[in-house]
Amino acid sequence: MTILQIPVANAMAWLLAFAFAFAGAGIFNAMGGAVVQAQFLPWGYPAWWNFISAALEMLCATLIVLPETRIWGLALGAMVLIAAIATITWRREYMHLPPGVALAALIGIELALVVTH
């Protein structure tokens, strides 16, 4: 299936890469400074954890964009999201769940598209 001559799997991969890299993820965590660092503290992470999170999210985005490494980027993204969802659930901050769950669902759909092709 295609959308404007772009395969759905490729379009969805770029959407996921954008979400990991820009939409409140990689760049935000890397450049957010003390405000972002302070958000990780109540969850039990050290103040510098935002840089680890940013690096993993940017790596996910990079791997997802490249067709040869897409499956690895999706797997890494799934692990990052499982950790995020587990942390949010453990800390009972359920209002933070919808973006992570939505992104996890997109990863599941993309994985299904990649595996079937």
PDB file of N, CA and C in Angstrom:
ATOM      1  N   MET A   1       0.844  -1.175   0.000  1.00  0.00           N
ATOM      2  CA  MET A   1       0.000   0.000   0.000  1.00  0.00           C
ATOM      3  C   MET A   1       0.890   1.239   0.000  1.00  0.00           C
ATOM      4  N   THR A   2       0.431   2.259  -0.713  1.00  0.00           N
ATOM      5  CA  THR A   2       1.210   3.495  -0.791  1.00  0.00           C
ATOM      6  C   THR A   2       0.334   4.698  -0.493  1.00  0.00           C
ATOM      7  N   ILE A   3       0.988   5.738  -0.021  1.00  0.00           N
ATOM      8  CA  ILE A   3       0.341   7.033   0.182  1.00  0.00           C
ATOM      9  C   ILE A   3       1.161   8.006  -0.652  1.00  0.00           C
ATOM     10  N   LEU A   4       0.531   8.559  -1.713  1.00  0.00           N
ATOM     11  CA  LEU A   4       1.257   9.464  -2.606  1.00  0.00           C
ATOM     12  C   LEU A   4       2.563   8.848  -3.096  1.00  0.00           C
ATOM     13  N   GLN A   5       2.513   7.588  -3.478  1.00  0.00           N
ATOM     14  CA  GLN A   5       3.646   6.839  -4.010  1.00  0.00           C
ATOM     15  C   GLN A   5       4.738   6.546  -2.976  1.00  0.00           C
ATOM     16  N   ILE A   6       4.480   6.759  -1.698  1.00  0.00           N
ATOM     17  CA  ILE A   6       5.432   6.420  -0.636  1.00  0.00           C
ATOM     18  C   ILE A   6       4.864   5.216   0.107  1.00  0.00           C
ATOM     19  N   PRO A   7       5.614   4.116   0.220  1.00  0.00           N
ATOM     20  CA  PRO A   7       5.104   2.968   0.959  1.00  0.00           C
ATOM     21  C   PRO A   7       4.734   3.347   2.391  1.00  0.00           C
ATOM     22  N   VAL A   8       3.647   2.781   2.880  1.00  0.00           N
ATOM     23  CA  VAL A   8       3.156   3.081   4.221  1.00  0.00           C
ATOM     24  C   VAL A   8       4.236   2.807   5.267  1.00  0.00           C
ATOM     25  N   ALA A   9       4.974   1.716   5.102  1.00  0.00           N
ATOM     26  CA  ALA A   9       6.020   1.381   6.071  1.00  0.00           C
ATOM     27  C   ALA A   9       7.079   2.482   6.143  1.00  0.00           C
ATOM     28  N   ASN A  10       7.455   3.046   5.000  1.00  0.00           N
ATOM     29  CA  ASN A  10       8.445   4.132   5.000  1.00  0.00           C
ATOM     30  C   ASN A  10       7.884   5.403   5.615  1.00  0.00           C
ATOM     31  N   ALA A  11       6.646   5.729   5.288  1.00  0.00           N
ATOM     32  CA  ALA A  11       6.022   6.927   5.856  1.00  0.00           C
ATOM     33  C   ALA A  11       5.905   6.805   7.368  1.00  0.00           C
ATOM     34  N   MET A  12       5.510   5.634   7.826  1.00  0.00           N
ATOM     35  CA  MET A  12       5.375   5.421   9.263  1.00  0.00           C
ATOM     36  C   MET A  12       6.745   5.435   9.944  1.00  0.00           C
ATOM     37  N   ALA A  13       7.756   4.913   9.286  1.00  0.00           N
ATOM     38  CA  ALA A  13       9.111   4.938   9.854  1.00  0.00           C
ATOM     39  C   ALA A  13       9.579   6.371  10.054  1.00  0.00           C
ATOM     40  N   TRP A  14       9.333   7.223   9.074  1.00  0.00           N
ATOM     41  CA  TRP A  14       9.730   8.627   9.205  1.00  0.00           C
ATOM     42  C   TRP A  14       8.936   9.311  10.312  1.00  0.00           C
ATOM     43  N   LEU A  15       7.672   8.972  10.450  1.00  0.00           N
ATOM     44  CA  LEU A  15       6.856   9.525  11.541  1.00  0.00           C
ATOM     45  C   LEU A  15       7.426   9.111  12.893  1.00  0.00           C
ATOM     46  N   LEU A  16       7.788   7.854  13.034  1.00  0.00           N
ATOM     47  CA  LEU A  16       8.387   7.371  14.287  1.00  0.00           C
ATOM     48  C   LEU A  16       9.726   8.042  14.555  1.00  0.00           C
ATOM     49  N   ALA A  17      10.540   8.165  13.525  1.00  0.00           N
ATOM     50  CA  ALA A  17      11.841   8.818  13.692  1.00  0.00           C
ATOM     51  C   ALA A  17      11.657  10.262  14.139  1.00  0.00           C
ATOM     52  N   PHE A  18      10.695  10.939  13.534  1.00  0.00           N
ATOM     53  CA  PHE A  18      10.407  12.319  13.933  1.00  0.00           C
ATOM     54  C   PHE A  18       9.971  12.378  15.393  1.00  0.00           C
ATOM     55  N   ALA A  19       9.112  11.458  15.788  1.00  0.00           N
ATOM     56  CA  ALA A  19       8.623  11.438  17.169  1.00  0.00           C
ATOM     57  C   ALA A  19       9.771  11.210  18.150  1.00  0.00           C
ATOM     58  N   PHE A  20      10.651  10.270  17.840  1.00  0.00           N
ATOM     59  CA  PHE A  20      11.779   9.991  18.737  1.00  0.00           C
ATOM     60  C   PHE A  20      12.768  11.152  18.766  1.00  0.00           C
ATOM     61  N   ALA A  21      12.993  11.770  17.616  1.00  0.00           N
ATOM     62  CA  ALA A  21      14.022  12.805  17.541  1.00  0.00           C
ATOM     63  C   ALA A  21      13.530  14.170  18.014  1.00  0.00           C
ATOM     64  N   PHE A  22      12.294  14.510  17.686  1.00  0.00           N
ATOM     65  CA  PHE A  22      11.863  15.884  17.902  1.00  0.00           C
ATOM     66  C   PHE A  22      10.684  16.037  18.855  1.00  0.00           C
ATOM     67  N   ALA A  23       9.680  15.242  18.721  1.00  0.00           N
ATOM     68  CA  ALA A  23       8.419  15.462  19.441  1.00  0.00           C
ATOM     69  C   ALA A  23       8.550  15.165  20.929  1.00  0.00           C
ATOM     70  N   GLY A  24       9.230  16.045  21.624  1.00  0.00           N
ATOM     71  CA  GLY A  24       9.352  15.905  23.070  1.00  0.00           C
ATOM     72  C   GLY A  24      10.305  14.818  23.504  1.00  0.00           C
ATOM     73  N   ALA A  25      11.133  14.349  22.605  1.00  0.00           N
ATOM     74  CA  ALA A  25      11.987  13.230  22.957  1.00  0.00           C
ATOM     75  C   ALA A  25      13.456  13.634  22.904  1.00  0.00           C
ATOM     76  N   GLY A  26      14.186  13.153  21.930  1.00  0.00           N
ATOM     77  CA  GLY A  26      15.635  13.314  21.887  1.00  0.00           C
ATOM     78  C   GLY A  26      16.159  14.720  22.052  1.00  0.00           C
ATOM     79  N   ILE A  27      15.745  15.613  21.188  1.00  0.00           N
ATOM     80  CA  ILE A  27      16.272  16.979  21.248  1.00  0.00           C
ATOM     81  C   ILE A  27      15.800  17.686  22.519  1.00  0.00           C
ATOM     82  N   PHE A  28      14.540  17.485  22.880  1.00  0.00           N
ATOM     83  CA  PHE A  28      14.018  18.108  24.094  1.00  0.00           C
ATOM     84  C   PHE A  28      14.793  17.638  25.323  1.00  0.00           C
ATOM     85  N   ASN A  29      15.041  16.344  25.422  1.00  0.00           N
ATOM     86  CA  ASN A  29      15.789  15.818  26.571  1.00  0.00           C
ATOM     87  C   ASN A  29      17.230  16.301  26.577  1.00  0.00           C
ATOM     88  N   ALA A  30      17.821  16.430  25.402  1.00  0.00           N
ATOM     89  CA  ALA A  30      19.223  16.848  25.334  1.00  0.00           C
ATOM     90  C   ALA A  30      19.401  18.323  25.654  1.00  0.00           C
ATOM     91  N   MET A  31      18.448  19.145  25.246  1.00  0.00           N
ATOM     92  CA  MET A  31      18.626  20.590  25.373  1.00  0.00           C
ATOM     93  C   MET A  31      17.761  21.220  26.455  1.00  0.00           C
ATOM     94  N   GLY A  32      16.999  20.410  27.180  1.00  0.00           N
ATOM     95  CA  GLY A  32      16.067  20.945  28.152  1.00  0.00           C
ATOM     96  C   GLY A  32      16.689  21.524  29.403  1.00  0.00           C
ATOM     97  N   GLY A  33      17.941  21.209  29.664  1.00  0.00           N
ATOM     98  CA  GLY A  33      18.649  21.781  30.801  1.00  0.00           C
ATOM     99  C   GLY A  33      18.122  21.331  32.147  1.00  0.00           C
ATOM    100  N   ALA A  34      18.217  22.216  33.120  1.00  0.00           N
ATOM    101  CA  ALA A  34      17.875  21.891  34.507  1.00  0.00           C
ATOM    102  C   ALA A  34      16.406  21.515  34.673  1.00  0.00           C
ATOM    103  N   VAL A  35      15.539  22.107  33.870  1.00  0.00           N
ATOM    104  CA  VAL A  35      14.111  21.797  33.978  1.00  0.00           C
ATOM    105  C   VAL A  35      13.860  20.336  33.636  1.00  0.00           C
ATOM    106  N   VAL A  36      14.445  19.874  32.554  1.00  0.00           N
ATOM    107  CA  VAL A  36      14.273  18.480  32.145  1.00  0.00           C
ATOM    108  C   VAL A  36      14.963  17.555  33.130  1.00  0.00           C
ATOM    109  N   GLN A  37      16.152  17.916  33.566  1.00  0.00           N
ATOM    110  CA  GLN A  37      16.868  17.088  34.542  1.00  0.00           C
ATOM    111  C   GLN A  37      16.045  16.913  35.806  1.00  0.00           C
ATOM    112  N   ALA A  38      15.393  17.960  36.241  1.00  0.00           N
ATOM    113  CA  ALA A  38      14.579  17.899  37.455  1.00  0.00           C
ATOM    114  C   ALA A  38      13.384  16.970  37.290  1.00  0.00           C
ATOM    115  N   GLN A  39      12.899  16.793  36.063  1.00  0.00           N
ATOM    116  CA  GLN A  39      11.757  15.910  35.833  1.00  0.00           C
ATOM    117  C   GLN A  39      12.122  14.437  36.001  1.00  0.00           C
ATOM    118  N   PHE A  40      13.384  14.097  35.827  1.00  0.00           N
ATOM    119  CA  PHE A  40      13.801  12.711  35.970  1.00  0.00           C
ATOM    120  C   PHE A  40      14.003  12.314  37.441  1.00  0.00           C
ATOM    121  N   LEU A  41      14.271  13.269  38.283  1.00  0.00           N
ATOM    122  CA  LEU A  41      14.560  12.991  39.692  1.00  0.00           C
ATOM    123  C   LEU A  41      13.413  12.305  40.436  1.00  0.00           C
ATOM    124  N   PRO A  42      12.156  12.772  40.331  1.00  0.00           N
ATOM    125  CA  PRO A  42      11.077  12.100  41.061  1.00  0.00           C
ATOM    126  C   PRO A  42      10.838  10.657  40.608  1.00  0.00           C
ATOM    127  N   TRP A  43      11.290  10.331  39.420  1.00  0.00           N
ATOM    128  CA  TRP A  43      11.129   8.979  38.909  1.00  0.00           C
ATOM    129  C   TRP A  43      12.261   8.063  39.347  1.00  0.00           C
ATOM    130  N   GLY A  44      13.192   8.597  40.116  1.00  0.00           N
ATOM    131  CA  GLY A  44      14.276   7.782  40.635  1.00  0.00           C
ATOM    132  C   GLY A  44      15.516   7.723  39.758  1.00  0.00           C
ATOM    133  N   TYR A  45      15.576   8.551  38.737  1.00  0.00           N
ATOM    134  CA  TYR A  45      16.738   8.578  37.857  1.00  0.00           C
ATOM    135  C   TYR A  45      17.667   9.716  38.279  1.00  0.00           C
ATOM    136  N   PRO A  46      18.960   9.578  38.008  1.00  0.00           N
ATOM    137  CA  PRO A  46      19.881  10.684  38.313  1.00  0.00           C
ATOM    138  C   PRO A  46      19.622  11.873  37.387  1.00  0.00           C
ATOM    139  N   ALA A  47      20.066  13.039  37.792  1.00  0.00           N
ATOM    140  CA  ALA A  47      19.811  14.267  37.038  1.00  0.00           C
ATOM    141  C   ALA A  47      20.363  14.194  35.613  1.00  0.00           C
ATOM    142  N   TRP A  48      21.445  13.495  35.404  1.00  0.00           N
ATOM    143  CA  TRP A  48      22.060  13.415  34.072  1.00  0.00           C
ATOM    144  C   TRP A  48      21.376  12.392  33.168  1.00  0.00           C
ATOM    145  N   TRP A  49      20.360  11.699  33.643  1.00  0.00           N
ATOM    146  CA  TRP A  49      19.719  10.635  32.864  1.00  0.00           C
ATOM    147  C   TRP A  49      19.075  11.165  31.581  1.00  0.00           C
ATOM    148  N   ASN A  50      18.736  12.467  31.559  1.00  0.00           N
ATOM    149  CA  ASN A  50      18.138  13.019  30.349  1.00  0.00           C
ATOM    150  C   ASN A  50      19.077  12.876  29.149  1.00  0.00           C
ATOM    151  N   PHE A  51      20.387  12.907  29.385  1.00  0.00           N
ATOM    152  CA  PHE A  51      21.337  12.759  28.278  1.00  0.00           C
ATOM    153  C   PHE A  51      21.368  11.318  27.765  1.00  0.00           C
ATOM    154  N   ILE A  52      21.239  10.352  28.669  1.00  0.00           N
ATOM    155  CA  ILE A  52      21.162   8.940  28.262  1.00  0.00           C
ATOM    156  C   ILE A  52      19.884   8.726  27.454  1.00  0.00           C
ATOM    157  N   SER A  53      18.790   9.248  27.982  1.00  0.00           N
ATOM    158  CA  SER A  53      17.505   9.129  27.299  1.00  0.00           C
ATOM    159  C   SER A  53      17.566   9.785  25.915  1.00  0.00           C
ATOM    160  N   ALA A  54      18.138  10.965  25.851  1.00  0.00           N
ATOM    161  CA  ALA A  54      18.260  11.672  24.566  1.00  0.00           C
ATOM    162  C   ALA A  54      19.102  10.883  23.577  1.00  0.00           C
ATOM    163  N   ALA A  55      20.212  10.330  24.038  1.00  0.00           N
ATOM    164  CA  ALA A  55      21.085   9.555  23.151  1.00  0.00           C
ATOM    165  C   ALA A  55      20.361   8.326  22.611  1.00  0.00           C
ATOM    166  N   LEU A  56      19.641   7.634  23.469  1.00  0.00           N
ATOM    167  CA  LEU A  56      18.900   6.445  23.026  1.00  0.00           C
ATOM    168  C   LEU A  56      17.802   6.829  22.027  1.00  0.00           C
ATOM    169  N   GLU A  57      17.101   7.915  22.297  1.00  0.00           N
ATOM    170  CA  GLU A  57      16.031   8.351  21.405  1.00  0.00           C
ATOM    171  C   GLU A  57      16.571   8.802  20.052  1.00  0.00           C
ATOM    172  N   MET A  58      17.685   9.503  20.050  1.00  0.00           N
ATOM    173  CA  MET A  58      18.285   9.927  18.778  1.00  0.00           C
ATOM    174  C   MET A  58      18.826   8.727  18.004  1.00  0.00           C
ATOM    175  N   LEU A  59      19.390   7.751  18.719  1.00  0.00           N
ATOM    176  CA  LEU A  59      19.850   6.533  18.066  1.00  0.00           C
ATOM    177  C   LEU A  59      18.668   5.783  17.450  1.00  0.00           C
ATOM    178  N   CYS A  60      17.557   5.704  18.175  1.00  0.00           N
ATOM    179  CA  CYS A  60      16.350   5.075  17.628  1.00  0.00           C
ATOM    180  C   CYS A  60      15.943   5.753  16.327  1.00  0.00           C
ATOM    181  N   ALA A  61      15.875   7.068  16.348  1.00  0.00           N
ATOM    182  CA  ALA A  61      15.463   7.820  15.164  1.00  0.00           C
ATOM    183  C   ALA A  61      16.382   7.532  13.987  1.00  0.00           C
ATOM    184  N   THR A  62      17.670   7.533  14.237  1.00  0.00           N
ATOM    185  CA  THR A  62      18.641   7.287  13.170  1.00  0.00           C
ATOM    186  C   THR A  62      18.494   5.880  12.603  1.00  0.00           C
ATOM    187  N   LEU A  63      18.376   4.898  13.484  1.00  0.00           N
ATOM    188  CA  LEU A  63      18.249   3.509  13.026  1.00  0.00           C
ATOM    189  C   LEU A  63      16.930   3.267  12.297  1.00  0.00           C
ATOM    190  N   ILE A  64      15.866   3.900  12.733  1.00  0.00           N
ATOM    191  CA  ILE A  64      14.562   3.705  12.107  1.00  0.00           C
ATOM    192  C   ILE A  64      14.529   4.287  10.692  1.00  0.00           C
ATOM    193  N   VAL A  65      15.186   5.397  10.462  1.00  0.00           N
ATOM    194  CA  VAL A  65      15.171   6.042   9.149  1.00  0.00           C
ATOM    195  C   VAL A  65      15.878   5.182   8.098  1.00  0.00           C
ATOM    196  N   LEU A  66      16.927   4.507   8.494  1.00  0.00           N
ATOM    197  CA  LEU A  66      17.692   3.697   7.541  1.00  0.00           C
ATOM    198  C   LEU A  66      17.034   2.322   7.374  1.00  0.00           C
ATOM    199  N   PRO A  67      16.601   1.976   6.168  1.00  0.00           N
ATOM    200  CA  PRO A  67      15.907   0.699   5.969  1.00  0.00           C
ATOM    201  C   PRO A  67      16.714  -0.522   6.429  1.00  0.00           C
ATOM    202  N   GLU A  68      18.028  -0.455   6.287  1.00  0.00           N
ATOM    203  CA  GLU A  68      18.867  -1.601   6.659  1.00  0.00           C
ATOM    204  C   GLU A  68      18.887  -1.845   8.169  1.00  0.00           C
ATOM    205  N   THR A  69      18.682  -0.805   8.943  1.00  0.00           N
ATOM    206  CA  THR A  69      18.754  -0.935  10.404  1.00  0.00           C
ATOM    207  C   THR A  69      17.409  -0.661  11.080  1.00  0.00           C
ATOM    208  N   ARG A  70      16.366  -0.542  10.287  1.00  0.00           N
ATOM    209  CA  ARG A  70      15.049  -0.171  10.829  1.00  0.00           C
ATOM    210  C   ARG A  70      14.586  -1.123  11.923  1.00  0.00           C
ATOM    211  N   ILE A  71      14.732  -2.409  11.719  1.00  0.00           N
ATOM    212  CA  ILE A  71      14.254  -3.378  12.715  1.00  0.00           C
ATOM    213  C   ILE A  71      14.963  -3.180  14.053  1.00  0.00           C
ATOM    214  N   TRP A  72      16.260  -2.837  14.012  1.00  0.00           N
ATOM    215  CA  TRP A  72      17.016  -2.611  15.250  1.00  0.00           C
ATOM    216  C   TRP A  72      16.570  -1.326  15.937  1.00  0.00           C
ATOM    217  N   GLY A  73      16.272  -0.309  15.150  1.00  0.00           N
ATOM    218  CA  GLY A  73      15.761   0.937  15.713  1.00  0.00           C
ATOM    219  C   GLY A  73      14.397   0.744  16.360  1.00  0.00           C
ATOM    220  N   LEU A  74      13.561  -0.047  15.705  1.00  0.00           N
ATOM    221  CA  LEU A  74      12.246  -0.329  16.272  1.00  0.00           C
ATOM    222  C   LEU A  74      12.366  -1.139  17.559  1.00  0.00           C
ATOM    223  N   ALA A  75      13.280  -2.099  17.568  1.00  0.00           N
ATOM    224  CA  ALA A  75      13.485  -2.899  18.787  1.00  0.00           C
ATOM    225  C   ALA A  75      14.005  -2.028  19.929  1.00  0.00           C
ATOM    226  N   LEU A  76      14.973  -1.184  19.636  1.00  0.00           N
ATOM    227  CA  LEU A  76      15.505  -0.285  20.661  1.00  0.00           C
ATOM    228  C   LEU A  76      14.422   0.683  21.133  1.00  0.00           C
ATOM    229  N   GLY A  77      13.657   1.213  20.189  1.00  0.00           N
ATOM    230  CA  GLY A  77      12.553   2.111  20.550  1.00  0.00           C
ATOM    231  C   GLY A  77      11.532   1.429  21.437  1.00  0.00           C
ATOM    232  N   ALA A  78      11.236   0.176  21.128  1.00  0.00           N
ATOM    233  CA  ALA A  78      10.290  -0.574  21.966  1.00  0.00           C
ATOM    234  C   ALA A  78      10.834  -0.734  23.380  1.00  0.00           C
ATOM    235  N   MET A  79      12.121  -1.018  23.507  1.00  0.00           N
ATOM    236  CA  MET A  79      12.720  -1.167  24.843  1.00  0.00           C
ATOM    237  C   MET A  79      12.698   0.151  25.610  1.00  0.00           C
ATOM    238  N   VAL A  80      13.007   1.249  24.929  1.00  0.00           N
ATOM    239  CA  VAL A  80      12.965   2.572  25.571  1.00  0.00           C
ATOM    240  C   VAL A  80      11.550   2.862  26.058  1.00  0.00           C
ATOM    241  N   LEU A  81      10.558   2.561  25.226  1.00  0.00           N
ATOM    242  CA  LEU A  81       9.171   2.829  25.598  1.00  0.00           C
ATOM    243  C   LEU A  81       8.690   1.908  26.715  1.00  0.00           C
ATOM    244  N   ILE A  82       9.115   0.667  26.706  1.00  0.00           N
ATOM    245  CA  ILE A  82       8.749  -0.238  27.800  1.00  0.00           C
ATOM    246  C   ILE A  82       9.288   0.303  29.118  1.00  0.00           C
ATOM    247  N   ALA A  83      10.523   0.772  29.103  1.00  0.00           N
ATOM    248  CA  ALA A  83      11.111   1.346  30.323  1.00  0.00           C
ATOM    249  C   ALA A  83      10.355   2.606  30.753  1.00  0.00           C
ATOM    250  N   ALA A  84      10.007   3.446  29.787  1.00  0.00           N
ATOM    251  CA  ALA A  84       9.282   4.683  30.110  1.00  0.00           C
ATOM    252  C   ALA A  84       7.891   4.374  30.660  1.00  0.00           C
ATOM    253  N   ILE A  85       7.179   3.468  30.005  1.00  0.00           N
ATOM    254  CA  ILE A  85       5.832   3.105  30.453  1.00  0.00           C
ATOM    255  C   ILE A  85       5.884   2.437  31.823  1.00  0.00           C
ATOM    256  N   ALA A  86       6.873   1.586  32.032  1.00  0.00           N
ATOM    257  CA  ALA A  86       7.018   0.939  33.345  1.00  0.00           C
ATOM    258  C   ALA A  86       7.297   1.970  34.432  1.00  0.00           C
ATOM    259  N   THR A  87       8.172   2.924  34.149  1.00  0.00           N
ATOM    260  CA  THR A  87       8.487   3.978  35.123  1.00  0.00           C
ATOM    261  C   THR A  87       7.247   4.797  35.453  1.00  0.00           C
ATOM    262  N   ILE A  88       6.525   5.209  34.434  1.00  0.00           N
ATOM    263  CA  ILE A  88       5.330   6.031  34.636  1.00  0.00           C
ATOM    264  C   ILE A  88       4.270   5.253  35.416  1.00  0.00           C
ATOM    265  N   THR A  89       4.107   3.985  35.077  1.00  0.00           N
ATOM    266  CA  THR A  89       3.126   3.159  35.777  1.00  0.00           C
ATOM    267  C   THR A  89       3.554   2.928  37.222  1.00  0.00           C
ATOM    268  N   TRP A  90       4.835   2.621  37.434  1.00  0.00           N
ATOM    269  CA  TRP A  90       5.353   2.385  38.780  1.00  0.00           C
ATOM    270  C   TRP A  90       5.159   3.610  39.671  1.00  0.00           C
ATOM    271  N   ARG A  91       5.358   4.789  39.098  1.00  0.00           N
ATOM    272  CA  ARG A  91       5.225   6.045  39.852  1.00  0.00           C
ATOM    273  C   ARG A  91       3.797   6.579  39.855  1.00  0.00           C
ATOM    274  N   ARG A  92       2.897   5.861  39.208  1.00  0.00           N
ATOM    275  CA  ARG A  92       1.468   6.202  39.165  1.00  0.00           C
ATOM    276  C   ARG A  92       1.203   7.612  38.631  1.00  0.00           C
ATOM    277  N   GLU A  93       1.941   7.964  37.610  1.00  0.00           N
ATOM    278  CA  GLU A  93       1.738   9.256  36.940  1.00  0.00           C
ATOM    279  C   GLU A  93       1.077   8.991  35.589  1.00  0.00           C
ATOM    280  N   TYR A  94      -0.139   8.487  35.675  1.00  0.00           N
ATOM    281  CA  TYR A  94      -0.842   7.983  34.501  1.00  0.00           C
ATOM    282  C   TYR A  94      -1.112   9.036  33.436  1.00  0.00           C
ATOM    283  N   MET A  95      -1.100  10.305  33.796  1.00  0.00           N
ATOM    284  CA  MET A  95      -1.357  11.338  32.784  1.00  0.00           C
ATOM    285  C   MET A  95      -0.230  11.391  31.748  1.00  0.00           C
ATOM    286  N   HIS A  96       0.934  10.811  32.063  1.00  0.00           N
ATOM    287  CA  HIS A  96       2.057  10.776  31.122  1.00  0.00           C
ATOM    288  C   HIS A  96       2.012   9.549  30.208  1.00  0.00           C
ATOM    289  N   LEU A  97       1.050   8.661  30.424  1.00  0.00           N
ATOM    290  CA  LEU A  97       0.998   7.419  29.649  1.00  0.00           C
ATOM    291  C   LEU A  97       0.578   7.555  28.183  1.00  0.00           C
ATOM    292  N   PRO A  98      -0.419   8.361  27.836  1.00  0.00           N
ATOM    293  CA  PRO A  98      -0.911   8.339  26.447  1.00  0.00           C
ATOM    294  C   PRO A  98       0.138   8.512  25.354  1.00  0.00           C
ATOM    295  N   PRO A  99       1.081   9.456  25.447  1.00  0.00           N
ATOM    296  CA  PRO A  99       2.053   9.558  24.354  1.00  0.00           C
ATOM    297  C   PRO A  99       2.910   8.287  24.198  1.00  0.00           C
ATOM    298  N   GLY A 100       3.352   7.726  25.315  1.00  0.00           N
ATOM    299  CA  GLY A 100       4.174   6.524  25.247  1.00  0.00           C
ATOM    300  C   GLY A 100       3.415   5.331  24.703  1.00  0.00           C
ATOM    301  N   VAL A 101       2.171   5.181  25.122  1.00  0.00           N
ATOM    302  CA  VAL A 101       1.345   4.074  24.631  1.00  0.00           C
ATOM    303  C   VAL A 101       1.056   4.246  23.146  1.00  0.00           C
ATOM    304  N   ALA A 102       0.774   5.470  22.714  1.00  0.00           N
ATOM    305  CA  ALA A 102       0.525   5.731  21.288  1.00  0.00           C
ATOM    306  C   ALA A 102       1.767   5.427  20.457  1.00  0.00           C
ATOM    307  N   LEU A 103       2.915   5.844  20.946  1.00  0.00           N
ATOM    308  CA  LEU A 103       4.164   5.585  20.227  1.00  0.00           C
ATOM    309  C   LEU A 103       4.465   4.089  20.193  1.00  0.00           C
ATOM    310  N   ALA A 104       4.193   3.401  21.295  1.00  0.00           N
ATOM    311  CA  ALA A 104       4.390   1.942  21.334  1.00  0.00           C
ATOM    312  C   ALA A 104       3.473   1.247  20.328  1.00  0.00           C
ATOM    313  N   ALA A 105       2.238   1.717  20.201  1.00  0.00           N
ATOM    314  CA  ALA A 105       1.313   1.144  19.227  1.00  0.00           C
ATOM    315  C   ALA A 105       1.830   1.355  17.802  1.00  0.00           C
ATOM    316  N   LEU A 106       2.348   2.546  17.527  1.00  0.00           N
ATOM    317  CA  LEU A 106       2.919   2.810  16.197  1.00  0.00           C
ATOM    318  C   LEU A 106       4.117   1.910  15.918  1.00  0.00           C
ATOM    319  N   ILE A 107       4.929   1.686  16.936  1.00  0.00           N
ATOM    320  CA  ILE A 107       6.069   0.782  16.754  1.00  0.00           C
ATOM    321  C   ILE A 107       5.584  -0.627  16.450  1.00  0.00           C
ATOM    322  N   GLY A 108       4.549  -1.063  17.146  1.00  0.00           N
ATOM    323  CA  GLY A 108       3.988  -2.387  16.874  1.00  0.00           C
ATOM    324  C   GLY A 108       3.479  -2.521  15.455  1.00  0.00           C
ATOM    325  N   ILE A 109       2.784  -1.505  14.979  1.00  0.00           N
ATOM    326  CA  ILE A 109       2.271  -1.512  13.605  1.00  0.00           C
ATOM    327  C   ILE A 109       3.428  -1.521  12.612  1.00  0.00           C
ATOM    328  N   GLU A 110       4.428  -0.670  12.854  1.00  0.00           N
ATOM    329  CA  GLU A 110       5.588  -0.613  11.948  1.00  0.00           C
ATOM    330  C   GLU A 110       6.344  -1.937  11.946  1.00  0.00           C
ATOM    331  N   LEU A 111       6.501  -2.544  13.117  1.00  0.00           N
ATOM    332  CA  LEU A 111       7.162  -3.853  13.179  1.00  0.00           C
ATOM    333  C   LEU A 111       6.398  -4.879  12.339  1.00  0.00           C
ATOM    334  N   ALA A 112       5.080  -4.867  12.435  1.00  0.00           N
ATOM    335  CA  ALA A 112       4.281  -5.782  11.642  1.00  0.00           C
ATOM    336  C   ALA A 112       4.467  -5.528  10.147  1.00  0.00           C
ATOM    337  N   LEU A 113       4.526  -4.266   9.744  1.00  0.00           N
ATOM    338  CA  LEU A 113       4.737  -3.929   8.330  1.00  0.00           C
ATOM    339  C   LEU A 113       6.122  -4.359   7.853  1.00  0.00           C
ATOM    340  N   VAL A 114       7.133  -4.136   8.701  1.00  0.00           N
ATOM    341  CA  VAL A 114       8.504  -4.485   8.314  1.00  0.00           C
ATOM    342  C   VAL A 114       8.661  -5.993   8.215  1.00  0.00           C
ATOM    343  N   VAL A 115       8.121  -6.704   9.155  1.00  0.00           N
ATOM    344  CA  VAL A 115       8.287  -8.164   9.187  1.00  0.00           C
ATOM    345  C   VAL A 115       7.544  -8.827   8.025  1.00  0.00           C
ATOM    346  N   THR A 116       6.395  -8.284   7.643  1.00  0.00           N
ATOM    347  CA  THR A 116       5.612  -8.897   6.564  1.00  0.00           C
ATOM    348  C   THR A 116       6.147  -8.569   5.173  1.00  0.00           C
ATOM    349  N   HIS A 117       7.057  -7.615   5.076  1.00  0.00           N
ATOM    350  CA  HIS A 117       7.596  -7.275   3.752  1.00  0.00           C
ATOM    351  C   HIS A 117       8.995  -7.699   3.622  1.00  0.00           C
TER     352      HIS A 117
END
